[in-house]
């Protein structure tokens, strides 16, 4: 079962300077158009080859446009012994609607 986190919970984590990784799994065109400040970008199709860039002991919050692709990456990471992964509910669309309306969604 995939753990979820809301955009308001994510904003609280940023506001409290908590230690976690926000991993954006969208493609490069989407990220060049808009991104959540503080996120790390590894496209979904590169996760398997770049998994060594991720710390399995760190909290990783996955984000895409709507939450569908990032949910699939959460499932994959869980099969690779990543136990502290969460999916951002609604992705950057929800972030733009609820937290930062200056973000345009690609």
PDB file of N, CA and C in Angstrom:
ATOM      1  N   UNK A   1       0.842  -1.201   0.000  1.00  0.00           N
ATOM      2  CA  UNK A   1       0.000   0.000   0.000  1.00  0.00           C
ATOM      3  C   UNK A   1       0.878   1.253   0.000  1.00  0.00           C
ATOM      4  N   UNK A   2       0.556   2.156  -0.891  1.00  0.00           N
ATOM      5  CA  UNK A   2       1.330   3.390  -1.032  1.00  0.00           C
ATOM      6  C   UNK A   2       0.861   4.411   0.004  1.00  0.00           C
ATOM      7  N   UNK A   3       1.823   5.012   0.684  1.00  0.00           N
ATOM      8  CA  UNK A   3       1.505   6.097   1.613  1.00  0.00           C
ATOM      9  C   UNK A   3       1.350   7.376   0.794  1.00  0.00           C
ATOM     10  N   UNK A   4       0.417   8.213   1.214  1.00  0.00           N
ATOM     11  CA  UNK A   4       0.141   9.472   0.517  1.00  0.00           C
ATOM     12  C   UNK A   4       0.445  10.643   1.446  1.00  0.00           C
ATOM     13  N   UNK A   5       0.748  11.786   0.837  1.00  0.00           N
ATOM     14  CA  UNK A   5       0.926  13.031   1.572  1.00  0.00           C
ATOM     15  C   UNK A   5       0.222  14.119   0.784  1.00  0.00           C
ATOM     16  N   UNK A   6      -0.473  15.013   1.480  1.00  0.00           N
ATOM     17  CA  UNK A   6      -1.172  16.099   0.804  1.00  0.00           C
ATOM     18  C   UNK A   6      -0.212  17.262   0.556  1.00  0.00           C
ATOM     19  N   UNK A   7      -0.625  18.170  -0.306  1.00  0.00           N
ATOM     20  CA  UNK A   7       0.223  19.335  -0.576  1.00  0.00           C
ATOM     21  C   UNK A   7       0.346  20.219   0.661  1.00  0.00           C
ATOM     22  N   UNK A   8      -0.696  20.293   1.478  1.00  0.00           N
ATOM     23  CA  UNK A   8      -0.598  21.108   2.699  1.00  0.00           C
ATOM     24  C   UNK A   8       0.375  20.463   3.695  1.00  0.00           C
ATOM     25  N   UNK A   9       0.394  19.135   3.764  1.00  0.00           N
ATOM     26  CA  UNK A   9       1.369  18.455   4.624  1.00  0.00           C
ATOM     27  C   UNK A   9       2.795  18.675   4.102  1.00  0.00           C
ATOM     28  N   UNK A  10       2.950  18.658   2.775  1.00  0.00           N
ATOM     29  CA  UNK A  10       4.265  18.914   2.186  1.00  0.00           C
ATOM     30  C   UNK A  10       4.720  20.340   2.491  1.00  0.00           C
ATOM     31  N   UNK A  11       3.830  21.295   2.348  1.00  0.00           N
ATOM     32  CA  UNK A  11       4.187  22.685   2.650  1.00  0.00           C
ATOM     33  C   UNK A  11       4.630  22.816   4.108  1.00  0.00           C
ATOM     34  N   UNK A  12       3.949  22.135   5.020  1.00  0.00           N
ATOM     35  CA  UNK A  12       4.342  22.166   6.429  1.00  0.00           C
ATOM     36  C   UNK A  12       5.748  21.610   6.604  1.00  0.00           C
ATOM     37  N   UNK A  13       6.067  20.542   5.882  1.00  0.00           N
ATOM     38  CA  UNK A  13       7.420  19.975   5.961  1.00  0.00           C
ATOM     39  C   UNK A  13       8.459  21.006   5.510  1.00  0.00           C
ATOM     40  N   UNK A  14       8.180  21.698   4.390  1.00  0.00           N
ATOM     41  CA  UNK A  14       9.082  22.752   3.919  1.00  0.00           C
ATOM     42  C   UNK A  14       9.191  23.867   4.968  1.00  0.00           C
ATOM     43  N   UNK A  15       8.052  24.313   5.488  1.00  0.00           N
ATOM     44  CA  UNK A  15       8.033  25.408   6.459  1.00  0.00           C
ATOM     45  C   UNK A  15       8.809  25.062   7.725  1.00  0.00           C
ATOM     46  N   UNK A  16       8.796  23.779   8.108  1.00  0.00           N
ATOM     47  CA  UNK A  16       9.491  23.321   9.316  1.00  0.00           C
ATOM     48  C   UNK A  16      10.923  22.882   9.049  1.00  0.00           C
ATOM     49  N   UNK A  17      11.397  23.076   7.813  1.00  0.00           N
ATOM     50  CA  UNK A  17      12.752  22.687   7.414  1.00  0.00           C
ATOM     51  C   UNK A  17      13.054  21.221   7.721  1.00  0.00           C
ATOM     52  N   UNK A  18      12.053  20.361   7.525  1.00  0.00           N
ATOM     53  CA  UNK A  18      12.263  18.933   7.744  1.00  0.00           C
ATOM     54  C   UNK A  18      13.190  18.374   6.660  1.00  0.00           C
ATOM     55  N   UNK A  19      13.854  17.293   6.992  1.00  0.00           N
ATOM     56  CA  UNK A  19      14.776  16.660   6.051  1.00  0.00           C
ATOM     57  C   UNK A  19      14.044  15.557   5.298  1.00  0.00           C
ATOM     58  N   UNK A  20      13.953  15.735   3.993  1.00  0.00           N
ATOM     59  CA  UNK A  20      13.316  14.754   3.111  1.00  0.00           C
ATOM     60  C   UNK A  20      13.748  15.094   1.692  1.00  0.00           C
ATOM     61  N   UNK A  21      13.465  14.189   0.766  1.00  0.00           N
ATOM     62  CA  UNK A  21      13.729  14.454  -0.643  1.00  0.00           C
ATOM     63  C   UNK A  21      12.392  14.521  -1.373  1.00  0.00           C
ATOM     64  N   UNK A  22      12.171  15.605  -2.105  1.00  0.00           N
ATOM     65  CA  UNK A  22      11.016  15.707  -2.990  1.00  0.00           C
ATOM     66  C   UNK A  22      11.520  15.341  -4.379  1.00  0.00           C
ATOM     67  N   UNK A  23      11.062  14.211  -4.874  1.00  0.00           N
ATOM     68  CA  UNK A  23      11.554  13.680  -6.144  1.00  0.00           C
ATOM     69  C   UNK A  23      10.498  13.866  -7.228  1.00  0.00           C
ATOM     70  N   UNK A  24      10.832  14.675  -8.217  1.00  0.00           N
ATOM     71  CA  UNK A  24       9.955  14.974  -9.350  1.00  0.00           C
ATOM     72  C   UNK A  24      10.278  13.979 -10.457  1.00  0.00           C
ATOM     73  N   UNK A  25       9.288  13.161 -10.845  1.00  0.00           N
ATOM     74  CA  UNK A  25       9.529  12.116 -11.839  1.00  0.00           C
ATOM     75  C   UNK A  25       8.947  12.470 -13.216  1.00  0.00           C
ATOM     76  N   UNK A  26       8.562  13.722 -13.409  1.00  0.00           N
ATOM     77  CA  UNK A  26       8.037  14.151 -14.709  1.00  0.00           C
ATOM     78  C   UNK A  26       9.155  14.227 -15.739  1.00  0.00           C
ATOM     79  N   UNK A  27       8.782  14.399 -17.010  1.00  0.00           N
ATOM     80  CA  UNK A  27       9.798  14.524 -18.047  1.00  0.00           C
ATOM     81  C   UNK A  27      10.412  15.929 -18.030  1.00  0.00           C
ATOM     82  N   UNK A  28      11.514  16.093 -18.712  1.00  0.00           N
ATOM     83  CA  UNK A  28      12.283  17.342 -18.655  1.00  0.00           C
ATOM     84  C   UNK A  28      11.469  18.535 -19.160  1.00  0.00           C
ATOM     85  N   UNK A  29      10.638  18.346 -20.194  1.00  0.00           N
ATOM     86  CA  UNK A  29       9.840  19.455 -20.709  1.00  0.00           C
ATOM     87  C   UNK A  29       8.890  19.990 -19.640  1.00  0.00           C
ATOM     88  N   UNK A  30       8.303  19.084 -18.872  1.00  0.00           N
ATOM     89  CA  UNK A  30       7.396  19.506 -17.807  1.00  0.00           C
ATOM     90  C   UNK A  30       8.139  20.278 -16.727  1.00  0.00           C
ATOM     91  N   UNK A  31       9.328  19.801 -16.365  1.00  0.00           N
ATOM     92  CA  UNK A  31      10.107  20.438 -15.302  1.00  0.00           C
ATOM     93  C   UNK A  31      10.627  21.800 -15.745  1.00  0.00           C
ATOM     94  N   UNK A  32      11.025  21.929 -17.002  1.00  0.00           N
ATOM     95  CA  UNK A  32      11.488  23.222 -17.494  1.00  0.00           C
ATOM     96  C   UNK A  32      10.357  24.238 -17.491  1.00  0.00           C
ATOM     97  N   UNK A  33       9.125  23.782 -17.644  1.00  0.00           N
ATOM     98  CA  UNK A  33       7.961  24.663 -17.649  1.00  0.00           C
ATOM     99  C   UNK A  33       7.616  25.121 -16.231  1.00  0.00           C
ATOM    100  N   UNK A  34       7.636  24.190 -15.270  1.00  0.00           N
ATOM    101  CA  UNK A  34       7.316  24.532 -13.886  1.00  0.00           C
ATOM    102  C   UNK A  34       7.809  23.451 -12.948  1.00  0.00           C
ATOM    103  N   UNK A  35       8.152  23.859 -11.725  1.00  0.00           N
ATOM    104  CA  UNK A  35       8.571  22.885 -10.724  1.00  0.00           C
ATOM    105  C   UNK A  35       8.318  23.436  -9.335  1.00  0.00           C
ATOM    106  N   UNK A  36       8.300  22.515  -8.381  1.00  0.00           N
ATOM    107  CA  UNK A  36       8.191  22.907  -6.983  1.00  0.00           C
ATOM    108  C   UNK A  36       9.613  23.167  -6.486  1.00  0.00           C
ATOM    109  N   UNK A  37       9.831  24.359  -5.977  1.00  0.00           N
ATOM    110  CA  UNK A  37      11.165  24.744  -5.489  1.00  0.00           C
ATOM    111  C   UNK A  37      11.642  23.738  -4.446  1.00  0.00           C
ATOM    112  N   UNK A  38      12.896  23.291  -4.593  1.00  0.00           N
ATOM    113  CA  UNK A  38      13.473  22.348  -3.650  1.00  0.00           C
ATOM    114  C   UNK A  38      13.371  20.897  -4.095  1.00  0.00           C
ATOM    115  N   UNK A  39      12.737  20.676  -5.242  1.00  0.00           N
ATOM    116  CA  UNK A  39      12.603  19.294  -5.724  1.00  0.00           C
ATOM    117  C   UNK A  39      13.848  18.854  -6.485  1.00  0.00           C
ATOM    118  N   UNK A  40      14.045  17.540  -6.517  1.00  0.00           N
ATOM    119  CA  UNK A  40      15.106  16.900  -7.296  1.00  0.00           C
ATOM    120  C   UNK A  40      14.438  16.211  -8.472  1.00  0.00           C
ATOM    121  N   UNK A  41      15.030  16.329  -9.648  1.00  0.00           N
ATOM    122  CA  UNK A  41      14.410  15.759 -10.841  1.00  0.00           C
ATOM    123  C   UNK A  41      15.143  14.508 -11.305  1.00  0.00           C
ATOM    124  N   UNK A  42      14.426  13.405 -11.348  1.00  0.00           N
ATOM    125  CA  UNK A  42      14.876  12.188 -12.037  1.00  0.00           C
ATOM    126  C   UNK A  42      13.642  11.679 -12.790  1.00  0.00           C
ATOM    127  N   UNK A  43      13.663  11.732 -14.122  1.00  0.00           N
ATOM    128  CA  UNK A  43      12.495  11.284 -14.879  1.00  0.00           C
ATOM    129  C   UNK A  43      12.139   9.830 -14.562  1.00  0.00           C
ATOM    130  N   UNK A  44      10.850   9.544 -14.607  1.00  0.00           N
ATOM    131  CA  UNK A  44      10.350   8.213 -14.286  1.00  0.00           C
ATOM    132  C   UNK A  44      11.106   7.116 -15.031  1.00  0.00           C
ATOM    133  N   UNK A  45      11.372   7.335 -16.310  1.00  0.00           N
ATOM    134  CA  UNK A  45      12.027   6.291 -17.106  1.00  0.00           C
ATOM    135  C   UNK A  45      13.517   6.142 -16.795  1.00  0.00           C
ATOM    136  N   UNK A  46      14.069   6.969 -15.915  1.00  0.00           N
ATOM    137  CA  UNK A  46      15.482   6.853 -15.530  1.00  0.00           C
ATOM    138  C   UNK A  46      15.667   6.338 -14.100  1.00  0.00           C
ATOM    139  N   UNK A  47      14.574   6.167 -13.364  1.00  0.00           N
ATOM    140  CA  UNK A  47      14.667   5.778 -11.948  1.00  0.00           C
ATOM    141  C   UNK A  47      15.471   4.492 -11.773  1.00  0.00           C
ATOM    142  N   UNK A  48      15.158   3.477 -12.554  1.00  0.00           N
ATOM    143  CA  UNK A  48      15.833   2.187 -12.399  1.00  0.00           C
ATOM    144  C   UNK A  48      17.344   2.326 -12.575  1.00  0.00           C
ATOM    145  N   UNK A  49      17.778   3.093 -13.560  1.00  0.00           N
ATOM    146  CA  UNK A  49      19.214   3.271 -13.821  1.00  0.00           C
ATOM    147  C   UNK A  49      19.890   4.209 -12.835  1.00  0.00           C
ATOM    148  N   UNK A  50      19.116   5.067 -12.170  1.00  0.00           N
ATOM    149  CA  UNK A  50      19.701   6.069 -11.277  1.00  0.00           C
ATOM    150  C   UNK A  50      19.320   5.845  -9.810  1.00  0.00           C
ATOM    151  N   UNK A  51      18.854   4.650  -9.491  1.00  0.00           N
ATOM    152  CA  UNK A  51      18.375   4.360  -8.139  1.00  0.00           C
ATOM    153  C   UNK A  51      19.464   4.575  -7.088  1.00  0.00           C
ATOM    154  N   UNK A  52      20.728   4.436  -7.500  1.00  0.00           N
ATOM    155  CA  UNK A  52      21.840   4.638  -6.560  1.00  0.00           C
ATOM    156  C   UNK A  52      21.966   6.093  -6.108  1.00  0.00           C
ATOM    157  N   UNK A  53      21.265   7.010  -6.758  1.00  0.00           N
ATOM    158  CA  UNK A  53      21.263   8.416  -6.345  1.00  0.00           C
ATOM    159  C   UNK A  53      20.279   8.670  -5.198  1.00  0.00           C
ATOM    160  N   UNK A  54      19.503   7.654  -4.862  1.00  0.00           N
ATOM    161  CA  UNK A  54      18.485   7.780  -3.820  1.00  0.00           C
ATOM    162  C   UNK A  54      18.938   7.065  -2.557  1.00  0.00           C
ATOM    163  N   UNK A  55      18.618   7.643  -1.414  1.00  0.00           N
ATOM    164  CA  UNK A  55      18.968   7.068  -0.115  1.00  0.00           C
ATOM    165  C   UNK A  55      17.764   6.298   0.423  1.00  0.00           C
ATOM    166  N   UNK A  56      17.876   4.959   0.532  1.00  0.00           N
ATOM    167  CA  UNK A  56      16.731   4.178   1.001  1.00  0.00           C
ATOM    168  C   UNK A  56      16.357   4.455   2.458  1.00  0.00           C
ATOM    169  N   UNK A  57      17.234   5.133   3.190  1.00  0.00           N
ATOM    170  CA  UNK A  57      16.962   5.441   4.596  1.00  0.00           C
ATOM    171  C   UNK A  57      16.328   6.817   4.793  1.00  0.00           C
ATOM    172  N   UNK A  58      16.203   7.581   3.712  1.00  0.00           N
ATOM    173  CA  UNK A  58      15.673   8.934   3.789  1.00  0.00           C
ATOM    174  C   UNK A  58      14.212   8.945   3.348  1.00  0.00           C
ATOM    175  N   UNK A  59      13.430   9.845   3.917  1.00  0.00           N
ATOM    176  CA  UNK A  59      12.060  10.008   3.459  1.00  0.00           C
ATOM    177  C   UNK A  59      12.081  10.602   2.053  1.00  0.00           C
ATOM    178  N   UNK A  60      11.397   9.929   1.133  1.00  0.00           N
ATOM    179  CA  UNK A  60      11.320  10.391  -0.252  1.00  0.00           C
ATOM    180  C   UNK A  60       9.850  10.601  -0.595  1.00  0.00           C
ATOM    181  N   UNK A  61       9.526  11.817  -0.996  1.00  0.00           N
ATOM    182  CA  UNK A  61       8.176  12.155  -1.429  1.00  0.00           C
ATOM    183  C   UNK A  61       8.237  12.283  -2.945  1.00  0.00           C
ATOM    184  N   UNK A  62       7.412  11.501  -3.621  1.00  0.00           N
ATOM    185  CA  UNK A  62       7.419  11.482  -5.071  1.00  0.00           C
ATOM    186  C   UNK A  62       6.304  12.335  -5.625  1.00  0.00           C
ATOM    187  N   UNK A  63       6.618  13.029  -6.720  1.00  0.00           N
ATOM    188  CA  UNK A  63       5.699  13.999  -7.292  1.00  0.00           C
ATOM    189  C   UNK A  63       5.755  13.937  -8.809  1.00  0.00           C
ATOM    190  N   UNK A  64       4.588  14.045  -9.428  1.00  0.00           N
ATOM    191  CA  UNK A  64       4.505  14.199 -10.878  1.00  0.00           C
ATOM    192  C   UNK A  64       3.430  15.250 -11.159  1.00  0.00           C
ATOM    193  N   UNK A  65       2.758  15.162 -12.284  1.00  0.00           N
ATOM    194  CA  UNK A  65       1.735  16.164 -12.601  1.00  0.00           C
ATOM    195  C   UNK A  65       0.478  15.965 -11.763  1.00  0.00           C
ATOM    196  N   UNK A  66      -0.006  14.707 -11.692  1.00  0.00           N
ATOM    197  CA  UNK A  66      -1.273  14.455 -11.003  1.00  0.00           C
ATOM    198  C   UNK A  66      -1.184  13.435  -9.878  1.00  0.00           C
ATOM    199  N   UNK A  67      -0.077  12.702  -9.804  1.00  0.00           N
ATOM    200  CA  UNK A  67       0.081  11.679  -8.779  1.00  0.00           C
ATOM    201  C   UNK A  67       0.058  10.258  -9.307  1.00  0.00           C
ATOM    202  N   UNK A  68      -0.245  10.074 -10.576  1.00  0.00           N
ATOM    203  CA  UNK A  68      -0.328   8.720 -11.137  1.00  0.00           C
ATOM    204  C   UNK A  68       1.052   8.119 -11.412  1.00  0.00           C
ATOM    205  N   UNK A  69       1.907   8.852 -12.118  1.00  0.00           N
ATOM    206  CA  UNK A  69       3.248   8.328 -12.413  1.00  0.00           C
ATOM    207  C   UNK A  69       4.054   8.164 -11.137  1.00  0.00           C
ATOM    208  N   UNK A  70       3.957   9.139 -10.244  1.00  0.00           N
ATOM    209  CA  UNK A  70       4.726   9.053  -9.002  1.00  0.00           C
ATOM    210  C   UNK A  70       4.252   7.877  -8.147  1.00  0.00           C
ATOM    211  N   UNK A  71       2.983   7.527  -8.215  1.00  0.00           N
ATOM    212  CA  UNK A  71       2.484   6.356  -7.475  1.00  0.00           C
ATOM    213  C   UNK A  71       3.143   5.086  -8.008  1.00  0.00           C
ATOM    214  N   UNK A  72       3.307   5.001  -9.328  1.00  0.00           N
ATOM    215  CA  UNK A  72       3.968   3.820  -9.905  1.00  0.00           C
ATOM    216  C   UNK A  72       5.425   3.748  -9.466  1.00  0.00           C
ATOM    217  N   UNK A  73       6.086   4.902  -9.397  1.00  0.00           N
ATOM    218  CA  UNK A  73       7.485   4.914  -8.939  1.00  0.00           C
ATOM    219  C   UNK A  73       7.552   4.537  -7.461  1.00  0.00           C
ATOM    220  N   UNK A  74       6.596   4.981  -6.663  1.00  0.00           N
ATOM    221  CA  UNK A  74       6.531   4.572  -5.245  1.00  0.00           C
ATOM    222  C   UNK A  74       6.476   3.054  -5.153  1.00  0.00           C
ATOM    223  N   UNK A  75       5.592   2.442  -5.935  1.00  0.00           N
ATOM    224  CA  UNK A  75       5.467   0.982  -5.925  1.00  0.00           C
ATOM    225  C   UNK A  75       6.791   0.320  -6.276  1.00  0.00           C
ATOM    226  N   UNK A  76       7.459   0.832  -7.307  1.00  0.00           N
ATOM    227  CA  UNK A  76       8.748   0.267  -7.712  1.00  0.00           C
ATOM    228  C   UNK A  76       9.773   0.400  -6.582  1.00  0.00           C
ATOM    229  N   UNK A  77       9.892   1.587  -6.003  1.00  0.00           N
ATOM    230  CA  UNK A  77      10.891   1.787  -4.943  1.00  0.00           C
ATOM    231  C   UNK A  77      10.617   0.883  -3.744  1.00  0.00           C
ATOM    232  N   UNK A  78       9.346   0.646  -3.440  1.00  0.00           N
ATOM    233  CA  UNK A  78       9.015  -0.234  -2.333  1.00  0.00           C
ATOM    234  C   UNK A  78       9.508  -1.661  -2.610  1.00  0.00           C
ATOM    235  N   UNK A  79       9.508  -2.079  -3.870  1.00  0.00           N
ATOM    236  CA  UNK A  79      10.036  -3.411  -4.207  1.00  0.00           C
ATOM    237  C   UNK A  79      11.555  -3.449  -4.102  1.00  0.00           C
ATOM    238  N   UNK A  80      12.173  -2.274  -4.058  1.00  0.00           N
ATOM    239  CA  UNK A  80      13.636  -2.171  -3.961  1.00  0.00           C
ATOM    240  C   UNK A  80      14.084  -1.835  -2.539  1.00  0.00           C
ATOM    241  N   UNK A  81      13.241  -2.131  -1.563  1.00  0.00           N
ATOM    242  CA  UNK A  81      13.538  -1.939  -0.133  1.00  0.00           C
ATOM    243  C   UNK A  81      13.611  -0.486   0.316  1.00  0.00           C
ATOM    244  N   UNK A  82      12.900   0.393  -0.366  1.00  0.00           N
ATOM    245  CA  UNK A  82      12.728   1.763   0.109  1.00  0.00           C
ATOM    246  C   UNK A  82      11.455   1.752   0.943  1.00  0.00           C
ATOM    247  N   UNK A  83      11.578   1.978   2.236  1.00  0.00           N
ATOM    248  CA  UNK A  83      10.416   1.833   3.115  1.00  0.00           C
ATOM    249  C   UNK A  83       9.733   3.153   3.450  1.00  0.00           C
ATOM    250  N   UNK A  84      10.406   4.282   3.201  1.00  0.00           N
ATOM    251  CA  UNK A  84       9.840   5.572   3.600  1.00  0.00           C
ATOM    252  C   UNK A  84       9.567   6.436   2.372  1.00  0.00           C
ATOM    253  N   UNK A  85       8.718   5.925   1.473  1.00  0.00           N
ATOM    254  CA  UNK A  85       8.335   6.680   0.276  1.00  0.00           C
ATOM    255  C   UNK A  85       6.860   7.047   0.378  1.00  0.00           C
ATOM    256  N   UNK A  86       6.547   8.238  -0.115  1.00  0.00           N
ATOM    257  CA  UNK A  86       5.168   8.725  -0.097  1.00  0.00           C
ATOM    258  C   UNK A  86       4.865   9.378  -1.438  1.00  0.00           C
ATOM    259  N   UNK A  87       3.612   9.283  -1.832  1.00  0.00           N
ATOM    260  CA  UNK A  87       3.161   9.893  -3.070  1.00  0.00           C
ATOM    261  C   UNK A  87       2.451  11.211  -2.763  1.00  0.00           C
ATOM    262  N   UNK A  88       2.778  12.262  -3.516  1.00  0.00           N
ATOM    263  CA  UNK A  88       2.118  13.551  -3.337  1.00  0.00           C
ATOM    264  C   UNK A  88       0.759  13.507  -4.027  1.00  0.00           C
ATOM    265  N   UNK A  89      -0.284  13.511  -3.231  1.00  0.00           N
ATOM    266  CA  UNK A  89      -1.653  13.440  -3.744  1.00  0.00           C
ATOM    267  C   UNK A  89      -1.942  14.646  -4.638  1.00  0.00           C
ATOM    268  N   UNK A  90      -2.335  14.363  -5.878  1.00  0.00           N
ATOM    269  CA  UNK A  90      -2.693  15.441  -6.802  1.00  0.00           C
ATOM    270  C   UNK A  90      -1.527  16.082  -7.518  1.00  0.00           C
ATOM    271  N   UNK A  91      -0.285  15.720  -7.136  1.00  0.00           N
ATOM    272  CA  UNK A  91       0.902  16.219  -7.818  1.00  0.00           C
ATOM    273  C   UNK A  91       1.013  17.729  -7.884  1.00  0.00           C
ATOM    274  N   UNK A  92       1.712  18.191  -8.921  1.00  0.00           N
ATOM    275  CA  UNK A  92       1.956  19.631  -9.050  1.00  0.00           C
ATOM    276  C   UNK A  92       0.660  20.385  -9.373  1.00  0.00           C
ATOM    277  N   UNK A  93      -0.339  19.687  -9.916  1.00  0.00           N
ATOM    278  CA  UNK A  93      -1.639  20.341 -10.154  1.00  0.00           C
ATOM    279  C   UNK A  93      -2.219  20.797  -8.814  1.00  0.00           C
ATOM    280  N   UNK A  94      -2.234  19.910  -7.834  1.00  0.00           N
ATOM    281  CA  UNK A  94      -2.763  20.265  -6.510  1.00  0.00           C
ATOM    282  C   UNK A  94      -1.911  21.341  -5.849  1.00  0.00           C
ATOM    283  N   UNK A  95      -0.577  21.263  -6.010  1.00  0.00           N
ATOM    284  CA  UNK A  95       0.320  22.268  -5.437  1.00  0.00           C
ATOM    285  C   UNK A  95      -0.023  23.646  -6.016  1.00  0.00           C
ATOM    286  N   UNK A  96      -0.208  23.705  -7.338  1.00  0.00           N
ATOM    287  CA  UNK A  96      -0.519  24.979  -8.001  1.00  0.00           C
ATOM    288  C   UNK A  96      -1.891  25.509  -7.567  1.00  0.00           C
ATOM    289  N   UNK A  97      -2.851  24.615  -7.387  1.00  0.00           N
ATOM    290  CA  UNK A  97      -4.201  25.041  -7.013  1.00  0.00           C
ATOM    291  C   UNK A  97      -4.305  25.459  -5.551  1.00  0.00           C
ATOM    292  N   UNK A  98      -3.589  24.752  -4.667  1.00  0.00           N
ATOM    293  CA  UNK A  98      -3.781  24.957  -3.230  1.00  0.00           C
ATOM    294  C   UNK A  98      -2.673  25.748  -2.528  1.00  0.00           C
ATOM    295  N   UNK A  99      -1.454  25.704  -3.055  1.00  0.00           N
ATOM    296  CA  UNK A  99      -0.317  26.301  -2.349  1.00  0.00           C
ATOM    297  C   UNK A  99       0.292  27.479  -3.101  1.00  0.00           C
ATOM    298  N   UNK A 100       0.621  27.303  -4.374  1.00  0.00           N
ATOM    299  CA  UNK A 100       1.354  28.329  -5.125  1.00  0.00           C
ATOM    300  C   UNK A 100       0.688  28.553  -6.484  1.00  0.00           C
ATOM    301  N   UNK A 101      -0.240  29.494  -6.522  1.00  0.00           N
ATOM    302  CA  UNK A 101      -0.966  29.716  -7.780  1.00  0.00           C
ATOM    303  C   UNK A 101      -0.156  30.457  -8.832  1.00  0.00           C
ATOM    304  N   UNK A 102       1.103  30.765  -8.535  1.00  0.00           N
ATOM    305  CA  UNK A 102       1.967  31.357  -9.560  1.00  0.00           C
ATOM    306  C   UNK A 102       2.520  30.273 -10.493  1.00  0.00           C
ATOM    307  N   UNK A 103       2.398  29.014 -10.084  1.00  0.00           N
ATOM    308  CA  UNK A 103       2.898  27.903 -10.908  1.00  0.00           C
ATOM    309  C   UNK A 103       1.882  27.592 -12.002  1.00  0.00           C
ATOM    310  N   UNK A 104       2.386  27.553 -13.212  1.00  0.00           N
ATOM    311  CA  UNK A 104       1.588  27.131 -14.354  1.00  0.00           C
ATOM    312  C   UNK A 104       1.881  25.642 -14.579  1.00  0.00           C
ATOM    313  N   UNK A 105       0.866  24.873 -14.869  1.00  0.00           N
ATOM    314  CA  UNK A 105       1.064  23.437 -15.085  1.00  0.00           C
ATOM    315  C   UNK A 105       1.093  23.140 -16.570  1.00  0.00           C
ATOM    316  N   UNK A 106       2.125  22.421 -16.975  1.00  0.00           N
ATOM    317  CA  UNK A 106       2.374  22.067 -18.379  1.00  0.00           C
ATOM    318  C   UNK A 106       1.322  21.107 -18.869  1.00  0.00           C
TER     319      UNK A 106
END
